[in-house]
Amino acid sequence: MAPEAEGSANECSLPSDNVPDAAVPPSDDPTVSLVEIEPGLAVLFADQPPVGFDVIPFEMMSAEAGRGLADKLAIASGIGNLAAQGAQAAATVQGLVRLAPETLQALKTARPMTSGGWNLGSLVAGKGKIAASVRWAPVTGAQTASILSALGPAAALLALQVQLASISRRIDENVKLTRDVLQALHEDQWTTLLGLHETTMRAVREAQAARAINDHIYAAIATRDPDLRKQRLLFRSFVRGHIKALDTDGPSRRAHIQKNVEQILADAHGMLMAEWSWYRSQVLRAGHISRDEANVVENERLLAELVADTQREHTQAMEEVAGLLTDLERQCRLIAELPAEWSLPFTTKRQNIRDTVAMAEALAERVATLRNRPHTQPAPLDPPLTVFAEAVPDEVLRILRWAVPGEEPLLAIADVNLDRLVGDDAYLGVTPTRLFISAQSAVRKQGTIERDFPLADVRYVRFRERDKRGPVLDVITTDENIRLTFDDWAGSGNGLEDSRRLANLLAAAMDLPESERRTDPLLSGGSSRKQAITP
């Protein structure tokens, strides 16, 4: 479990059940407890924070409010009872720790060791030295609801602290390349966008310095609310327009990108600036409301609603821009692998596709960081089964890396022929969930996969060998009967063995679901009448 920090050398690793005994954390009782209060963010309880460990203190919250919040969280999570059980001395809350995206990703595939309902791990300092043992309480599903319910109004203050910590450490970085494009294409909006960004950032810095959000600090934000909402709605509409335009077939998607790539980058960056300026204003508003002690009861309900609505709207907006940038980067990388005539024109400088890929990747990485997610890309393809007269051309695998839907591995690829009046060379590919068929020219020249089917739709597979000729492969799906043939090289030796294995792989997916099964009394014998045979 690695707390994300600039220059931090510490991480918390959780061993899986398959780790050898030598790698298991020390048997001493853990000296540190981490209670996750939302995915990727935890409260640290310890007598002393581990040396060099990056901890976000409770800021902009009175000492009394901070102590009350810590007490309620300790009781709700069970830490308050640990001392009575002899498991841990009375620990104090040190602050918040953000878990690195890589840790969250690893925990999806590795199961930690557990004891008494806690996950066990180690805090690892520089050069791999174990600094302290740790208990970690992951808060998910019903457990999350239970703890937040027990916190009551304090949950809103905790959510506020989480947001302020995230904003102050992560949003002040910008991607210069796309920012220049944004300024050039949205010159009429640039001054307003930059003004809102700087105003809200200054208010956050002032609030952190004052450890409060008073009337003087919030006044600058309150007057900008109409502009904040206008810019947010404007750029979000631009992004949604691109998302709609890209929700089509491959050639149309790439045509839109080739024509509008700089506009997509500018609109996505503009949305990020507008969205986070609005988000900061909402967080600052919540902090300002929490200071109104004269209307505590009404404000508790108002805070809870404000925090919930802000988180929901912000999450949806960030998912939209992240999806757009993921698709953009993928399509740009695909175009970069195609013949030179498919390179993208970019602005008056005619920058090449490689520059465009770098810009898309930089912006996608920034969005991933803001969402506390890893920035991932499909791994290079290395199919274990290849059915070719010789090796699979390298450029085909590079193109398919970005053309195959999703990020699934390619299990098999074959050089086949479409059974048509005028036969076409084609590629047949198989992933863990899908199969695809496409003319080789469409793949190599345009990066297009013409047809793909879920393996769940495969009903029957027939493989037939032929004397002195390549075999025939029939694949019957719910909607189509597909006939493919192999060239003569697949009629014997390794070619025949590989093509036969490909047929077996597809046959392993054959299934007739219960909803498609039929019965008839003529076969079941329910209404058959035995006829007496007379001489």
Protein backbone atom coordinates (compact mmCIF):
# COMPACT_ATOMS: atom_id res chain seq x y z
CA MET A 1 0.00 0.00 0.00
CA ALA A 2 1.89 3.02 -1.18
CA PRO A 3 0.81 6.44 0.06
CA GLU A 4 1.13 8.79 -2.86
CA ALA A 5 3.61 11.55 -2.09
CA GLU A 6 6.09 13.61 -4.00
CA GLY A 7 9.50 12.19 -3.19
CA SER A 8 8.19 9.73 -0.60
CA ALA A 9 10.15 6.48 -0.36
CA ASN A 10 7.67 4.69 1.88
CA GLU A 11 5.08 2.18 0.86
CA CYS A 12 2.79 -0.25 2.58
CA SER A 13 2.84 -3.69 0.96
CA LEU A 14 0.25 -6.34 1.73
CA PRO A 15 1.41 -9.95 1.22
CA SER A 16 -0.83 -12.45 -0.54
CA ASP A 17 -1.56 -15.93 0.77
CA ASN A 18 1.07 -17.33 -1.59
CA VAL A 19 3.94 -15.28 -0.17
CA PRO A 20 6.66 -17.43 1.49
CA ASP A 21 6.93 -17.28 5.27
CA ALA A 22 10.13 -15.23 5.05
CA ALA A 23 8.19 -12.40 3.42
CA VAL A 24 5.44 -12.25 6.05
CA PRO A 25 5.51 -9.10 8.24
CA PRO A 26 6.97 -9.35 11.76
CA SER A 27 4.78 -11.08 14.31
CA ASP A 28 4.88 -8.07 16.65
CA ASP A 29 1.53 -6.35 17.09
CA PRO A 30 1.05 -3.66 14.43
CA THR A 31 2.00 -0.17 15.57
CA VAL A 32 0.09 1.61 12.80
CA SER A 33 -3.55 1.39 11.74
CA LEU A 34 -4.99 2.65 8.46
CA VAL A 35 -8.76 3.00 8.18
CA GLU A 36 -9.90 3.55 4.60
CA ILE A 37 -12.75 6.04 4.42
CA GLU A 38 -13.08 5.99 0.62
CA PRO A 39 -11.24 4.04 -2.07
CA GLY A 40 -7.67 5.27 -2.06
CA LEU A 41 -7.83 7.43 1.08
CA ALA A 42 -7.30 6.35 4.69
CA VAL A 43 -7.00 7.87 8.15
CA LEU A 44 -3.70 7.06 9.89
CA PHE A 45 -3.76 6.11 13.59
CA ALA A 46 -0.38 5.82 15.33
CA ASP A 47 1.50 6.98 18.41
CA GLN A 48 3.97 8.63 16.06
CA PRO A 49 3.77 8.89 12.25
CA PRO A 50 6.41 6.67 10.58
CA VAL A 51 9.58 8.58 9.70
CA GLY A 52 9.36 10.14 6.25
CA PHE A 53 5.76 9.01 5.85
CA ASP A 54 3.67 11.54 3.91
CA VAL A 55 0.66 12.42 6.05
CA ILE A 56 -1.96 15.05 5.26
CA PRO A 57 -2.91 16.77 8.56
CA PHE A 58 -6.48 17.79 9.34
CA GLU A 59 -6.46 21.36 8.04
CA MET A 60 -9.09 24.09 8.15
CA MET A 61 -10.81 22.35 11.03
CA SER A 62 -10.86 23.47 14.63
CA ALA A 63 -8.94 21.35 17.14
CA GLU A 64 -12.21 20.42 18.86
CA ALA A 65 -13.84 19.35 15.57
CA GLY A 66 -10.75 17.35 14.63
CA ARG A 67 -10.69 15.50 17.95
CA GLY A 68 -14.41 14.76 17.73
CA LEU A 69 -14.05 13.42 14.22
CA ALA A 70 -11.09 11.22 15.18
CA ASP A 71 -12.94 9.81 18.21
CA LYS A 72 -16.03 8.95 16.19
CA LEU A 73 -13.98 7.33 13.42
CA ALA A 74 -11.98 5.30 15.94
CA ILE A 75 -15.13 4.00 17.61
CA ALA A 76 -16.95 3.33 14.32
CA SER A 77 -14.02 1.35 12.89
CA GLY A 78 -13.32 -0.57 16.10
CA ILE A 79 -9.92 0.99 16.79
CA GLY A 80 -11.31 2.48 19.97
CA ASN A 81 -11.75 -1.04 21.37
CA LEU A 82 -8.29 -2.34 20.42
CA ALA A 83 -6.63 -1.08 23.60
CA ALA A 84 -9.17 -2.89 25.77
CA GLN A 85 -8.43 -6.07 23.81
CA GLY A 86 -4.71 -5.68 24.43
CA ALA A 87 -4.02 -5.46 20.70
CA GLN A 88 -2.70 -1.93 20.53
CA ALA A 89 -1.93 0.93 22.86
CA ALA A 90 -4.07 4.00 22.64
CA ALA A 91 -3.24 5.55 19.27
CA THR A 92 -3.95 9.04 18.06
CA VAL A 93 -5.06 10.15 14.64
CA GLN A 94 -2.19 11.61 12.64
CA GLY A 95 -4.07 12.63 9.50
CA LEU A 96 -4.91 11.33 6.04
CA VAL A 97 -2.88 9.03 3.80
CA ARG A 98 -3.57 8.64 0.09
CA LEU A 99 -2.97 5.15 -1.29
CA ALA A 100 -1.18 5.00 -4.62
CA PRO A 101 -3.17 3.86 -7.69
CA GLU A 102 -0.70 1.00 -8.20
CA THR A 103 -1.53 -0.33 -4.73
CA LEU A 104 -5.26 -0.22 -5.38
CA GLN A 105 -4.74 -2.03 -8.68
CA ALA A 106 -2.58 -4.72 -7.06
CA LEU A 107 -5.14 -5.36 -4.33
CA LYS A 108 -7.65 -6.36 -7.02
CA THR A 109 -5.56 -9.43 -7.83
CA ALA A 110 -3.68 -10.14 -4.57
CA ARG A 111 -5.42 -11.19 -1.37
CA PRO A 112 -3.80 -9.81 1.80
CA MET A 113 -3.18 -11.78 4.96
CA THR A 114 -5.85 -11.10 7.57
CA SER A 115 -6.22 -11.30 11.34
CA GLY A 116 -9.24 -10.37 13.40
CA GLY A 117 -10.94 -8.78 10.40
CA TRP A 118 -7.92 -6.61 9.56
CA ASN A 119 -5.59 -6.86 6.58
CA LEU A 120 -1.95 -7.12 7.61
CA GLY A 121 1.04 -5.56 5.89
CA SER A 122 4.27 -3.68 6.36
CA LEU A 123 5.40 -0.10 5.92
CA VAL A 124 8.56 -0.32 3.83
CA ALA A 125 11.10 2.49 4.03
CA GLY A 126 13.90 3.25 1.61
CA LYS A 127 15.96 0.32 0.29
CA GLY A 128 13.19 -2.12 1.23
CA LYS A 129 13.68 -1.91 5.02
CA ILE A 130 10.50 -2.65 7.01
CA ALA A 131 9.78 0.41 9.17
CA ALA A 132 6.60 -0.74 10.91
CA SER A 133 3.86 -3.33 10.77
CA VAL A 134 0.38 -2.13 9.91
CA ARG A 135 -3.27 -3.03 10.23
CA TRP A 136 -5.42 -1.90 7.33
CA ALA A 137 -9.21 -1.73 7.40
CA PRO A 138 -10.57 -1.51 3.85
CA VAL A 139 -13.88 0.30 3.79
CA THR A 140 -16.10 -0.99 1.02
CA GLY A 141 -19.77 -1.73 0.43
CA ALA A 142 -21.85 -2.16 3.57
CA GLN A 143 -18.88 -1.45 5.82
CA THR A 144 -18.50 1.99 4.25
CA ALA A 145 -22.17 2.79 4.81
CA SER A 146 -21.96 1.58 8.42
CA ILE A 147 -18.94 3.72 9.31
CA LEU A 148 -20.19 6.85 7.54
CA SER A 149 -23.57 6.41 9.20
CA ALA A 150 -21.90 6.19 12.61
CA LEU A 151 -19.91 9.34 11.88
CA GLY A 152 -23.12 11.27 11.21
CA PRO A 153 -22.50 15.01 10.57
CA ALA A 154 -18.77 14.45 11.03
CA ALA A 155 -18.77 12.59 7.71
CA ALA A 156 -19.37 15.86 5.86
CA LEU A 157 -16.37 17.44 7.61
CA LEU A 158 -14.24 14.42 6.78
CA ALA A 159 -15.33 14.54 3.14
CA LEU A 160 -14.49 18.24 3.14
CA GLN A 161 -11.01 17.51 4.48
CA VAL A 162 -10.47 14.83 1.85
CA GLN A 163 -11.42 17.20 -0.95
CA LEU A 164 -9.27 20.05 0.32
CA ALA A 165 -6.26 17.76 0.68
CA SER A 166 -6.71 16.41 -2.83
CA ILE A 167 -7.22 19.84 -4.39
CA SER A 168 -4.29 21.50 -2.68
CA ARG A 169 -1.81 18.84 -3.73
CA ARG A 170 -2.90 17.85 -7.21
CA ILE A 171 -4.72 20.46 -9.29
CA ASP A 172 -2.15 23.21 -9.57
CA GLU A 173 -0.20 21.27 -12.20
CA ASN A 174 -1.01 21.97 -15.87
CA VAL A 175 -0.14 20.40 -19.18
CA LYS A 176 1.62 23.15 -21.08
CA LEU A 177 1.20 21.70 -24.58
CA THR A 178 -2.57 21.36 -24.40
CA ARG A 179 -2.89 24.58 -22.45
CA ASP A 180 -1.33 26.43 -25.38
CA VAL A 181 -3.83 24.81 -27.76
CA LEU A 182 -6.69 25.73 -25.42
CA GLN A 183 -5.59 29.35 -25.34
CA ALA A 184 -5.29 29.49 -29.13
CA LEU A 185 -8.68 27.90 -29.92
CA HIS A 186 -10.70 29.40 -27.07
CA GLU A 187 -9.18 32.84 -26.91
CA ASP A 188 -12.58 34.36 -26.08
CA GLN A 189 -12.96 32.05 -23.04
CA TRP A 190 -9.34 31.89 -21.94
CA THR A 191 -9.30 35.01 -19.78
CA THR A 192 -12.41 33.91 -17.87
CA LEU A 193 -11.11 30.34 -17.42
CA LEU A 194 -7.73 31.49 -16.17
CA GLY A 195 -9.31 34.05 -13.86
CA LEU A 196 -11.58 31.44 -12.26
CA HIS A 197 -8.69 29.02 -11.89
CA GLU A 198 -6.42 31.57 -10.19
CA THR A 199 -9.20 32.98 -7.98
CA THR A 200 -10.21 29.61 -6.58
CA MET A 201 -6.61 28.44 -6.17
CA ARG A 202 -5.75 31.61 -4.25
CA ALA A 203 -8.76 31.09 -1.97
CA VAL A 204 -7.61 27.52 -1.19
CA ARG A 205 -4.09 28.72 -0.36
CA GLU A 206 -5.46 31.47 1.89
CA ALA A 207 -7.78 29.03 3.66
CA GLN A 208 -4.89 26.67 4.32
CA ALA A 209 -2.77 29.49 5.69
CA ALA A 210 -5.60 30.72 7.94
CA ARG A 211 -6.76 27.14 8.79
CA ALA A 212 -10.27 28.41 8.21
CA ILE A 213 -12.61 29.62 5.45
CA ASN A 214 -13.85 32.94 6.78
CA ASP A 215 -16.00 35.63 5.17
CA HIS A 216 -12.98 37.47 3.78
CA ILE A 217 -11.74 34.38 1.92
CA TYR A 218 -15.12 33.19 0.68
CA ALA A 219 -16.29 36.60 -0.57
CA ALA A 220 -14.07 36.35 -3.66
CA ILE A 221 -15.60 32.98 -4.55
CA ALA A 222 -19.25 33.84 -3.88
CA THR A 223 -19.32 36.56 -6.52
CA ARG A 224 -17.99 34.25 -9.25
CA ASP A 225 -20.61 31.49 -8.98
CA PRO A 226 -22.48 32.38 -12.25
CA ASP A 227 -19.24 32.41 -14.24
CA LEU A 228 -18.11 29.14 -12.66
CA ARG A 229 -21.31 27.35 -13.63
CA LYS A 230 -21.42 28.88 -17.12
CA GLN A 231 -17.88 27.77 -18.00
CA ARG A 232 -18.45 24.32 -16.56
CA LEU A 233 -21.64 23.77 -18.57
CA LEU A 234 -20.08 25.21 -21.74
CA PHE A 235 -17.00 23.01 -21.84
CA ARG A 236 -18.86 19.95 -20.63
CA SER A 237 -21.22 20.35 -23.61
CA PHE A 238 -18.17 20.48 -25.92
CA VAL A 239 -16.80 17.26 -24.43
CA ARG A 240 -20.14 15.48 -24.65
CA GLY A 241 -20.35 16.47 -28.31
CA HIS A 242 -17.02 14.75 -28.99
CA ILE A 243 -18.08 11.68 -27.01
CA LYS A 244 -21.22 11.39 -29.16
CA ALA A 245 -19.23 11.85 -32.37
CA LEU A 246 -16.80 9.08 -31.38
CA ASP A 247 -19.56 6.63 -30.45
CA THR A 248 -19.62 5.10 -33.94
CA ASP A 249 -17.67 2.74 -36.20
CA GLY A 250 -13.88 2.83 -36.48
CA PRO A 251 -13.53 4.77 -39.76
CA SER A 252 -15.99 7.46 -38.68
CA ARG A 253 -14.31 7.74 -35.29
CA ARG A 254 -10.90 8.27 -36.83
CA ALA A 255 -12.27 10.71 -39.39
CA HIS A 256 -13.66 12.87 -36.54
CA ILE A 257 -10.33 12.74 -34.73
CA GLN A 258 -8.33 13.61 -37.85
CA LYS A 259 -10.53 16.63 -38.47
CA ASN A 260 -10.95 17.79 -34.86
CA VAL A 261 -8.02 16.47 -32.82
CA GLU A 262 -6.78 19.88 -31.67
CA GLN A 263 -10.34 20.91 -30.78
CA ILE A 264 -10.80 17.75 -28.70
CA LEU A 265 -7.60 18.44 -26.76
CA ALA A 266 -8.53 22.09 -26.21
CA ASP A 267 -12.07 21.25 -25.09
CA ALA A 268 -10.90 18.50 -22.72
CA HIS A 269 -8.35 20.80 -21.09
CA GLY A 270 -10.90 23.59 -20.88
CA MET A 271 -13.35 21.26 -19.17
CA LEU A 272 -10.70 20.26 -16.63
CA MET A 273 -9.98 23.89 -15.74
CA ALA A 274 -13.67 24.78 -15.53
CA GLU A 275 -14.61 21.61 -13.64
CA TRP A 276 -11.93 21.92 -10.99
CA SER A 277 -12.54 25.63 -10.51
CA TRP A 278 -16.20 24.83 -9.83
CA TYR A 279 -15.25 21.91 -7.60
CA ARG A 280 -12.92 24.07 -5.50
CA SER A 281 -15.68 26.65 -5.11
CA GLN A 282 -18.08 23.97 -3.84
CA VAL A 283 -15.57 22.69 -1.31
CA LEU A 284 -14.82 26.19 -0.09
CA ARG A 285 -18.54 26.87 0.20
CA ALA A 286 -18.93 23.76 2.36
CA GLY A 287 -16.10 24.90 4.60
CA HIS A 288 -17.68 28.32 4.93
CA ILE A 289 -21.06 26.81 5.86
CA SER A 290 -19.45 24.61 8.52
CA ARG A 291 -18.32 27.76 10.39
CA ASP A 292 -21.89 28.93 10.92
CA GLU A 293 -22.41 27.66 14.47
CA ALA A 294 -25.66 29.60 14.90
CA ASN A 295 -27.52 27.21 12.57
CA VAL A 296 -25.83 23.92 13.32
CA VAL A 297 -28.82 21.60 12.81
CA GLU A 298 -29.88 23.03 9.46
CA ASN A 299 -26.29 23.21 8.29
CA GLU A 300 -25.66 19.55 9.07
CA ARG A 301 -28.33 18.55 6.56
CA LEU A 302 -27.18 21.20 4.07
CA LEU A 303 -23.56 20.05 4.30
CA ALA A 304 -24.46 16.40 3.81
CA GLU A 305 -26.47 17.21 0.67
CA LEU A 306 -23.87 19.62 -0.69
CA VAL A 307 -21.00 17.16 -0.28
CA ALA A 308 -22.97 14.25 -1.77
CA ASP A 309 -24.18 16.26 -4.79
CA THR A 310 -20.74 17.73 -5.44
CA GLN A 311 -19.02 14.35 -5.31
CA ARG A 312 -21.62 12.75 -7.58
CA GLU A 313 -21.53 15.50 -10.23
CA HIS A 314 -17.74 15.78 -10.12
CA THR A 315 -17.23 12.02 -10.45
CA GLN A 316 -19.52 11.87 -13.47
CA ALA A 317 -17.76 14.79 -15.16
CA MET A 318 -14.31 13.30 -14.61
CA GLU A 319 -15.45 9.92 -15.95
CA GLU A 320 -16.67 11.61 -19.13
CA VAL A 321 -13.43 13.48 -19.82
CA ALA A 322 -11.33 10.42 -18.88
CA GLY A 323 -13.29 8.25 -21.31
CA LEU A 324 -12.87 10.80 -24.09
CA LEU A 325 -9.12 11.10 -23.57
CA THR A 326 -8.67 7.32 -23.35
CA ASP A 327 -10.41 6.89 -26.70
CA LEU A 328 -8.47 9.81 -28.20
CA GLU A 329 -5.08 8.49 -27.10
CA ARG A 330 -5.91 4.99 -28.31
CA GLN A 331 -7.04 6.19 -31.75
CA CYS A 332 -4.04 8.50 -32.14
CA ARG A 333 -1.68 5.64 -31.32
CA LEU A 334 -3.49 3.46 -33.82
CA ILE A 335 -3.18 6.08 -36.56
CA ALA A 336 0.53 6.40 -35.74
CA GLU A 337 1.00 2.76 -36.72
CA LEU A 338 -0.78 3.11 -40.08
CA PRO A 339 0.89 4.04 -43.40
CA ALA A 340 2.18 7.61 -43.66
CA GLU A 341 -0.81 8.92 -45.61
CA TRP A 342 -2.94 8.48 -42.46
CA SER A 343 -0.86 10.88 -40.36
CA LEU A 344 -2.81 13.66 -38.72
CA PRO A 345 -2.54 17.27 -39.81
CA PHE A 346 -2.19 19.36 -36.66
CA THR A 347 -2.57 23.15 -36.53
CA THR A 348 -0.71 25.48 -38.90
CA LYS A 349 2.61 23.95 -37.84
CA ARG A 350 1.61 20.60 -39.34
CA GLN A 351 2.90 18.75 -36.34
CA ASN A 352 3.04 15.01 -36.94
CA ILE A 353 1.04 12.28 -35.30
CA ARG A 354 3.80 11.53 -32.79
CA ASP A 355 3.43 15.03 -31.32
CA THR A 356 -0.33 14.54 -31.15
CA VAL A 357 0.07 11.23 -29.33
CA ALA A 358 2.36 12.91 -26.78
CA MET A 359 -0.21 15.63 -26.13
CA ALA A 360 -3.08 13.16 -25.75
CA GLU A 361 -1.02 10.98 -23.42
CA ALA A 362 0.08 13.90 -21.25
CA LEU A 363 -3.49 15.08 -20.73
CA ALA A 364 -4.74 11.53 -20.09
CA GLU A 365 -2.03 11.03 -17.46
CA ARG A 366 -3.04 14.27 -15.72
CA VAL A 367 -6.67 13.15 -15.57
CA ALA A 368 -5.65 9.75 -14.19
CA THR A 369 -3.59 11.47 -11.49
CA LEU A 370 -6.48 13.73 -10.54
CA ARG A 371 -8.75 10.68 -10.24
CA ASN A 372 -6.10 8.74 -8.27
CA ARG A 373 -6.14 6.05 -10.95
CA PRO A 374 -3.26 4.40 -12.79
CA HIS A 375 -2.79 5.51 -16.39
CA THR A 376 -2.85 2.21 -18.24
CA GLN A 377 -2.39 1.14 -21.85
CA PRO A 378 -2.99 -2.19 -23.58
CA ALA A 379 0.06 -4.41 -23.37
CA PRO A 380 1.89 -5.32 -26.60
CA LEU A 381 0.24 -8.36 -28.19
CA ASP A 382 1.99 -11.71 -27.96
CA PRO A 383 -0.56 -14.37 -28.95
CA PRO A 384 0.43 -17.90 -27.86
CA LEU A 385 -1.26 -19.43 -30.93
CA THR A 386 -0.41 -18.13 -34.41
CA VAL A 387 -1.60 -19.85 -37.58
CA PHE A 388 0.62 -18.44 -40.34
CA ALA A 389 2.86 -19.87 -43.01
CA GLU A 390 5.66 -17.85 -41.37
CA ALA A 391 5.77 -15.36 -38.49
CA VAL A 392 2.98 -12.85 -37.85
CA PRO A 393 4.04 -9.49 -39.35
CA ASP A 394 5.14 -7.15 -36.55
CA GLU A 395 3.16 -4.20 -37.91
CA VAL A 396 -0.06 -6.25 -37.72
CA LEU A 397 0.39 -6.89 -34.00
CA ARG A 398 1.26 -3.21 -33.40
CA ILE A 399 -1.91 -2.11 -35.18
CA LEU A 400 -4.13 -4.69 -33.48
CA ARG A 401 -2.81 -3.62 -30.07
CA TRP A 402 -4.86 -0.44 -30.45
CA ALA A 403 -7.61 -1.75 -32.73
CA VAL A 404 -8.80 -4.74 -30.67
CA PRO A 405 -11.63 -3.55 -28.36
CA GLY A 406 -10.86 -3.39 -24.66
CA GLU A 407 -7.55 -4.41 -23.14
CA GLU A 408 -7.88 -8.18 -23.39
CA PRO A 409 -4.91 -10.32 -24.46
CA LEU A 410 -4.92 -11.80 -27.95
CA LEU A 411 -5.01 -15.59 -27.55
CA ALA A 412 -4.80 -16.53 -31.21
CA ILE A 413 -4.48 -15.00 -34.67
CA ALA A 414 -4.69 -16.75 -38.02
CA ASP A 415 -4.14 -16.03 -41.71
CA VAL A 416 -7.41 -17.15 -43.35
CA ASN A 417 -9.48 -16.59 -46.47
CA LEU A 418 -13.04 -15.31 -46.58
CA ASP A 419 -15.24 -17.76 -48.47
CA ARG A 420 -16.59 -15.40 -51.12
CA LEU A 421 -16.90 -15.38 -54.90
CA VAL A 422 -13.79 -13.25 -54.86
CA GLY A 423 -11.91 -14.46 -51.80
CA ASP A 424 -10.16 -11.96 -49.56
CA ASP A 425 -7.21 -12.58 -47.31
CA ALA A 426 -8.36 -12.00 -43.75
CA TYR A 427 -7.25 -12.18 -40.13
CA LEU A 428 -9.13 -14.24 -37.55
CA GLY A 429 -8.38 -13.30 -33.94
CA VAL A 430 -9.54 -14.71 -30.61
CA THR A 431 -9.51 -13.00 -27.19
CA PRO A 432 -10.83 -14.48 -23.91
CA THR A 433 -14.32 -13.10 -24.70
CA ARG A 434 -14.49 -12.32 -28.43
CA LEU A 435 -13.48 -13.37 -31.92
CA PHE A 436 -12.95 -10.99 -34.82
CA ILE A 437 -12.63 -11.31 -38.58
CA SER A 438 -11.37 -8.58 -40.87
CA ALA A 439 -9.89 -8.30 -44.35
CA GLN A 440 -6.13 -7.95 -44.11
CA SER A 441 -6.15 -4.77 -46.18
CA ALA A 442 -8.66 -3.16 -43.79
CA VAL A 443 -6.43 -3.93 -40.82
CA ARG A 444 -3.11 -2.93 -42.34
CA LYS A 445 -4.21 0.20 -44.20
CA GLN A 446 -7.03 1.56 -42.03
CA GLY A 447 -6.66 -0.17 -38.65
CA THR A 448 -10.23 -1.43 -38.99
CA ILE A 449 -11.74 -4.59 -37.52
CA GLU A 450 -14.75 -5.24 -39.71
CA ARG A 451 -16.62 -7.81 -37.63
CA ASP A 452 -16.35 -9.10 -34.08
CA PHE A 453 -18.57 -11.44 -32.08
CA PRO A 454 -18.83 -12.45 -28.42
CA LEU A 455 -17.58 -16.00 -27.89
CA ALA A 456 -20.84 -16.54 -26.02
CA ASP A 457 -22.61 -16.33 -29.41
CA VAL A 458 -20.68 -19.28 -30.86
CA ARG A 459 -23.05 -22.21 -31.26
CA TYR A 460 -21.12 -24.70 -33.37
CA VAL A 461 -17.66 -25.10 -34.89
CA ARG A 462 -16.80 -27.53 -37.70
CA PHE A 463 -13.27 -28.23 -38.93
CA ARG A 464 -12.83 -30.23 -42.14
CA GLU A 465 -9.56 -31.35 -43.64
CA ARG A 466 -9.13 -31.61 -47.42
CA ASP A 467 -6.65 -33.60 -49.50
CA LYS A 468 -3.85 -31.46 -50.94
CA ARG A 469 -5.64 -28.28 -49.90
CA GLY A 470 -5.95 -26.22 -46.75
CA PRO A 471 -8.74 -27.10 -44.30
CA VAL A 472 -12.16 -25.42 -43.98
CA LEU A 473 -13.39 -23.81 -40.75
CA ASP A 474 -17.12 -23.19 -40.22
CA VAL A 475 -18.21 -21.04 -37.28
CA ILE A 476 -21.95 -20.83 -36.63
CA THR A 477 -23.04 -18.00 -34.35
CA THR A 478 -26.48 -16.88 -33.25
CA ASP A 479 -26.86 -14.74 -36.37
CA GLU A 480 -24.33 -15.88 -38.99
CA ASN A 481 -22.79 -18.90 -40.68
CA ILE A 482 -19.14 -18.04 -41.29
CA ARG A 483 -16.98 -20.15 -43.61
CA LEU A 484 -13.22 -19.61 -43.66
CA THR A 485 -10.54 -21.49 -45.57
CA PHE A 486 -6.79 -21.87 -45.15
CA ASP A 487 -4.15 -21.86 -47.88
CA ASP A 488 -2.36 -25.05 -48.88
CA TRP A 489 0.42 -24.56 -46.29
CA ALA A 490 -2.14 -25.38 -43.57
CA GLY A 491 -3.01 -28.75 -45.14
CA SER A 492 -0.19 -30.69 -43.48
CA GLY A 493 2.56 -30.55 -40.87
CA ASN A 494 2.70 -27.67 -38.38
CA GLY A 495 0.18 -25.66 -40.41
CA LEU A 496 -2.45 -28.38 -40.05
CA GLU A 497 -1.67 -28.88 -36.38
CA ASP A 498 -1.98 -25.14 -35.63
CA SER A 499 -5.22 -24.69 -37.61
CA ARG A 500 -6.71 -27.74 -35.90
CA ARG A 501 -5.85 -26.28 -32.49
CA LEU A 502 -7.48 -22.98 -33.48
CA ALA A 503 -10.67 -24.87 -34.30
CA ASN A 504 -10.48 -26.64 -30.93
CA LEU A 505 -10.05 -23.29 -29.18
CA LEU A 506 -13.23 -21.95 -30.79
CA ALA A 507 -15.05 -25.22 -30.18
CA ALA A 508 -14.28 -24.87 -26.47
CA ALA A 509 -16.50 -21.79 -26.51
CA MET A 510 -19.49 -23.57 -28.05
CA ASP A 511 -22.62 -23.26 -25.94
CA LEU A 512 -26.37 -23.50 -26.38
CA PRO A 513 -28.01 -21.53 -23.57
CA GLU A 514 -31.13 -22.92 -21.93
CA SER A 515 -33.24 -20.13 -23.45
CA GLU A 516 -32.47 -21.46 -26.95
CA ARG A 517 -33.03 -25.12 -26.21
CA ARG A 518 -36.20 -26.71 -27.60
CA THR A 519 -38.13 -29.90 -26.97
CA ASP A 520 -40.71 -31.78 -28.98
CA PRO A 521 -42.94 -34.65 -27.88
CA LEU A 522 -42.09 -36.57 -31.05
CA LEU A 523 -38.54 -36.97 -29.74
CA SER A 524 -39.42 -37.27 -26.06
CA GLY A 525 -41.97 -40.07 -26.71
CA GLY A 526 -44.72 -38.22 -24.88
CA SER A 527 -47.34 -38.55 -27.63
CA SER A 528 -45.99 -41.34 -29.79
CA ARG A 529 -48.45 -44.14 -30.45
CA LYS A 530 -47.30 -47.64 -30.86
CA GLN A 531 -48.80 -49.16 -33.96
CA ALA A 532 -49.69 -52.81 -33.79
CA ILE A 533 -48.16 -54.70 -36.66
CA THR A 534 -50.60 -57.20 -38.13
CA PRO A 535 -49.75 -59.84 -40.65
